[in-house]
Amino acid sequence: MKVYNDDSAEDNEVISKEKNDPPPHTDYAKMARWLVHNSEWMSMGTISTLPSITGFPMVNVIAMADSEKGAKSTGVIYFYLVMLDFTAQDLSKKNQLTALFSMDQSLYCTKKNIDPMEPTCARIMISGEALRVEKGTSDYDFGAKAMASHHPASAHWIDAHDFFLCKMNISQIVVLDWYGGPHYVSLDDYFKANIDGLQHPKAKIQFEF
């Protein structure tokens, strides 16, 4: 499988502070990018391969990051997996997943007296494939630094339990951030969405899960 990234270092510029306020609900691509960039974890759904529940959906909490803290958004979803966990076992056999991000992860909605289930508490569902990132590449260095910045404990996961770095090869983005039903965002619009000046470049890198 192929994944898209770039070796340029200039895109990892640091901005003065995080964008804490979400974009207008009518700007669906920016809303998706904003939620990814401002999230620390995601609810990841897979198709279970466990003997007792084979074929059923399975959900797990997975730590993630799209850039280092204070750095510009990339929209690329990096995360660690380990084969001891059922999520990696599922993905090794059926490499498809859906990740859910909610605006209330930071209690943004709760603080504004908006129930997390209300459509006005934005959520996105991103579907795709988990792709393993090869060590020794600039992509691996970028993703590992992003994860370490948001999740300092991840530095111990690799040595203690053989975690490996992955990223999502996104195929579909669904945004629900207002009444009237979900909206579908194209990959081009998602990666072009500028929430802090960065447009993630693309260059082909080959690797397998």
Protein backbone atom coordinates (compact mmCIF):
# COMPACT_ATOMS: atom_id res chain seq x y z
CA MET A 1 0.00 0.00 0.00
CA LYS A 2 1.09 3.57 -0.60
CA VAL A 3 0.72 6.55 1.70
CA TYR A 4 1.27 10.22 1.07
CA ASN A 5 3.66 12.45 2.93
CA ASP A 6 6.54 14.84 2.34
CA ASP A 7 10.13 15.15 3.49
CA SER A 8 10.07 18.95 3.79
CA ALA A 9 10.96 20.24 7.25
CA GLU A 10 9.65 23.74 6.70
CA ASP A 11 6.04 22.61 7.12
CA ASN A 12 6.62 21.75 10.78
CA GLU A 13 6.56 25.40 11.80
CA VAL A 14 5.41 26.33 15.27
CA ILE A 15 2.53 28.70 15.84
CA SER A 16 2.15 30.85 18.90
CA LYS A 17 -0.93 29.13 20.33
CA GLU A 18 -3.57 26.54 19.58
CA LYS A 19 -6.76 27.48 17.79
CA ASN A 20 -9.24 26.86 20.60
CA ASP A 21 -12.39 28.08 18.89
CA PRO A 22 -13.93 25.79 16.26
CA PRO A 23 -14.60 27.03 12.74
CA PRO A 24 -18.15 27.90 11.56
CA HIS A 25 -20.35 24.82 11.37
CA THR A 26 -20.90 25.43 7.64
CA ASP A 27 -17.20 24.93 6.90
CA TYR A 28 -17.22 21.15 7.11
CA ALA A 29 -13.67 20.52 5.91
CA LYS A 30 -12.23 22.94 8.45
CA MET A 31 -14.39 21.42 11.18
CA ALA A 32 -12.96 17.99 10.41
CA ARG A 33 -9.40 19.29 10.46
CA TRP A 34 -10.03 21.25 13.66
CA LEU A 35 -11.41 18.22 15.48
CA VAL A 36 -8.52 16.00 14.42
CA HIS A 37 -5.91 18.59 15.36
CA ASN A 38 -7.46 19.31 18.75
CA SER A 39 -8.01 15.69 19.77
CA GLU A 40 -5.75 13.56 21.95
CA TRP A 41 -7.49 10.24 21.31
CA MET A 42 -10.15 8.65 19.15
CA SER A 43 -12.74 5.90 19.42
CA MET A 44 -11.62 3.36 16.81
CA GLY A 45 -14.02 0.78 15.42
CA THR A 46 -12.84 -2.43 13.72
CA ILE A 47 -14.46 -5.66 12.54
CA SER A 48 -13.71 -8.17 15.29
CA THR A 49 -11.64 -11.27 14.61
CA LEU A 50 -11.97 -12.60 18.16
CA PRO A 51 -13.44 -16.13 18.10
CA SER A 52 -16.26 -15.20 20.48
CA ILE A 53 -17.50 -12.18 18.51
CA THR A 54 -16.15 -12.68 14.99
CA GLY A 55 -17.81 -10.37 12.47
CA PHE A 56 -19.18 -7.91 15.02
CA PRO A 57 -17.98 -4.31 15.37
CA MET A 58 -15.39 -3.76 18.10
CA VAL A 59 -14.43 -0.37 19.54
CA ASN A 60 -11.32 0.78 21.37
CA VAL A 61 -9.79 4.03 22.64
CA ILE A 62 -6.60 4.84 20.71
CA ALA A 63 -4.22 7.72 21.46
CA MET A 64 -3.46 9.87 18.41
CA ALA A 65 -1.83 13.07 17.18
CA ASP A 66 -1.56 14.92 13.89
CA SER A 67 1.40 17.13 14.86
CA GLU A 68 3.44 18.16 17.88
CA LYS A 69 1.81 20.37 20.48
CA GLY A 70 1.82 23.98 19.31
CA ALA A 71 2.69 22.96 15.75
CA LYS A 72 0.56 23.39 12.68
CA SER A 73 -2.16 20.97 11.73
CA THR A 74 -1.45 18.28 9.16
CA GLY A 75 -4.73 16.37 9.23
CA VAL A 76 -2.72 13.13 9.18
CA ILE A 77 -3.79 10.77 11.96
CA TYR A 78 -0.83 9.04 13.66
CA PHE A 79 -1.25 6.37 16.35
CA TYR A 80 0.46 3.38 17.93
CA LEU A 81 -0.75 -0.22 17.83
CA VAL A 82 0.49 -3.40 19.51
CA MET A 83 -0.31 -6.98 18.53
CA LEU A 84 -1.19 -7.82 22.15
CA ASP A 85 -4.32 -5.69 21.69
CA PHE A 86 -7.43 -6.84 19.81
CA THR A 87 -7.48 -3.74 17.59
CA ALA A 88 -4.15 -4.56 15.94
CA GLN A 89 -5.19 -8.20 15.64
CA ASP A 90 -8.39 -7.16 13.89
CA LEU A 91 -6.58 -4.80 11.52
CA SER A 92 -3.95 -7.38 10.64
CA LYS A 93 -6.74 -9.51 9.15
CA LYS A 94 -9.19 -6.88 7.89
CA ASN A 95 -7.37 -3.60 7.54
CA GLN A 96 -10.38 -1.28 7.74
CA LEU A 97 -11.39 1.05 10.54
CA THR A 98 -13.57 4.01 11.45
CA ALA A 99 -12.47 6.62 13.99
CA LEU A 100 -14.86 8.89 15.87
CA PHE A 101 -13.83 12.33 17.13
CA SER A 102 -16.12 14.47 19.32
CA MET A 103 -15.92 18.14 20.16
CA ASP A 104 -16.74 17.23 23.75
CA GLN A 105 -13.44 15.41 24.22
CA SER A 106 -12.22 18.71 25.71
CA LEU A 107 -15.61 19.27 27.42
CA TYR A 108 -16.19 22.14 24.98
CA CYS A 109 -19.87 21.23 24.61
CA THR A 110 -20.46 20.41 28.27
CA LYS A 111 -19.09 23.81 29.31
CA LYS A 112 -21.61 25.43 26.94
CA ASN A 113 -24.48 23.28 28.26
CA ILE A 114 -24.72 21.34 24.99
CA ASP A 115 -25.31 17.62 25.31
CA PRO A 116 -22.60 15.59 23.53
CA MET A 117 -25.29 13.80 21.52
CA GLU A 118 -26.72 17.04 20.11
CA PRO A 119 -25.74 17.62 16.46
CA THR A 120 -24.45 21.04 17.49
CA CYS A 121 -21.73 19.23 19.46
CA ALA A 122 -19.67 18.48 16.39
CA ARG A 123 -18.42 14.98 15.67
CA ILE A 124 -16.67 13.40 12.72
CA MET A 125 -16.37 9.82 11.54
CA ILE A 126 -13.26 9.10 9.49
CA SER A 127 -12.92 5.74 7.74
CA GLY A 128 -9.87 4.23 6.10
CA GLU A 129 -7.02 1.78 6.56
CA ALA A 130 -4.28 1.52 9.19
CA LEU A 131 -0.88 1.67 7.54
CA ARG A 132 2.34 0.88 9.36
CA VAL A 133 4.97 3.62 9.17
CA GLU A 134 8.50 2.42 8.50
CA LYS A 135 11.24 3.31 10.96
CA GLY A 136 14.05 5.41 9.55
CA THR A 137 11.76 7.57 7.40
CA SER A 138 10.99 11.24 7.88
CA ASP A 139 7.35 10.25 8.20
CA TYR A 140 8.18 8.00 11.17
CA ASP A 141 10.24 10.72 12.85
CA PHE A 142 7.43 13.24 12.41
CA GLY A 143 4.72 10.89 13.72
CA ALA A 144 6.81 9.66 16.66
CA LYS A 145 7.60 13.22 17.73
CA ALA A 146 3.93 14.18 17.42
CA MET A 147 2.87 11.23 19.58
CA ALA A 148 5.59 11.87 22.17
CA SER A 149 4.53 15.50 22.41
CA HIS A 150 0.90 14.65 23.20
CA HIS A 151 1.50 11.31 24.93
CA PRO A 152 4.84 11.26 26.81
CA ALA A 153 4.10 7.74 28.05
CA SER A 154 4.29 6.48 24.47
CA ALA A 155 8.09 6.55 24.68
CA HIS A 156 7.85 3.56 27.05
CA TRP A 157 5.24 1.66 25.01
CA ILE A 158 7.66 0.89 22.19
CA ASP A 159 10.38 -0.62 24.42
CA ALA A 160 8.07 -2.38 26.84
CA HIS A 161 5.48 -3.89 24.52
CA ASP A 162 6.68 -3.57 20.91
CA PHE A 163 4.21 -0.91 19.86
CA PHE A 164 4.57 0.22 16.26
CA LEU A 165 3.63 3.51 14.63
CA CYS A 166 0.73 3.68 12.19
CA LYS A 167 -1.21 6.30 10.31
CA MET A 168 -4.61 6.26 8.70
CA ASN A 169 -4.99 6.11 4.94
CA ILE A 170 -8.26 8.07 4.88
CA SER A 171 -10.98 7.10 2.41
CA GLN A 172 -14.10 8.83 3.80
CA ILE A 173 -14.86 11.77 6.10
CA VAL A 174 -18.31 12.42 7.56
CA VAL A 175 -19.10 15.56 9.57
CA LEU A 176 -22.13 16.08 11.80
CA ASP A 177 -21.99 19.54 13.35
CA TRP A 178 -25.54 20.94 12.97
CA TYR A 179 -29.13 19.86 12.52
CA GLY A 180 -30.13 18.39 9.17
CA GLY A 181 -27.93 15.33 8.87
CA PRO A 182 -24.30 14.52 8.08
CA HIS A 183 -22.08 16.05 5.40
CA TYR A 184 -19.38 14.27 3.42
CA VAL A 185 -16.00 15.96 2.97
CA SER A 186 -13.67 15.08 0.10
CA LEU A 187 -10.03 14.27 0.79
CA ASP A 188 -8.94 17.23 -1.33
CA ASP A 189 -11.08 19.66 0.68
CA TYR A 190 -9.92 18.11 3.94
CA PHE A 191 -6.22 18.43 3.22
CA LYS A 192 -6.64 21.88 1.65
CA ALA A 193 -8.56 23.18 4.67
CA ASN A 194 -6.39 25.82 6.31
CA ILE A 195 -6.98 26.13 10.04
CA ASP A 196 -3.52 27.55 10.75
CA GLY A 197 -1.75 28.07 7.43
CA LEU A 198 -0.58 24.53 6.69
CA GLN A 199 -1.55 22.49 3.67
CA HIS A 200 -0.11 19.01 4.06
CA PRO A 201 2.05 18.11 1.04
CA LYS A 202 2.02 14.73 -0.66
CA ALA A 203 4.87 12.47 -1.71
CA LYS A 204 4.68 8.71 -2.14
CA ILE A 205 6.20 6.35 0.43
CA GLN A 206 5.78 2.57 0.14
CA PHE A 207 5.14 0.33 3.12
CA GLU A 208 2.91 -2.49 4.32
CA PHE A 209 0.83 -2.99 7.46
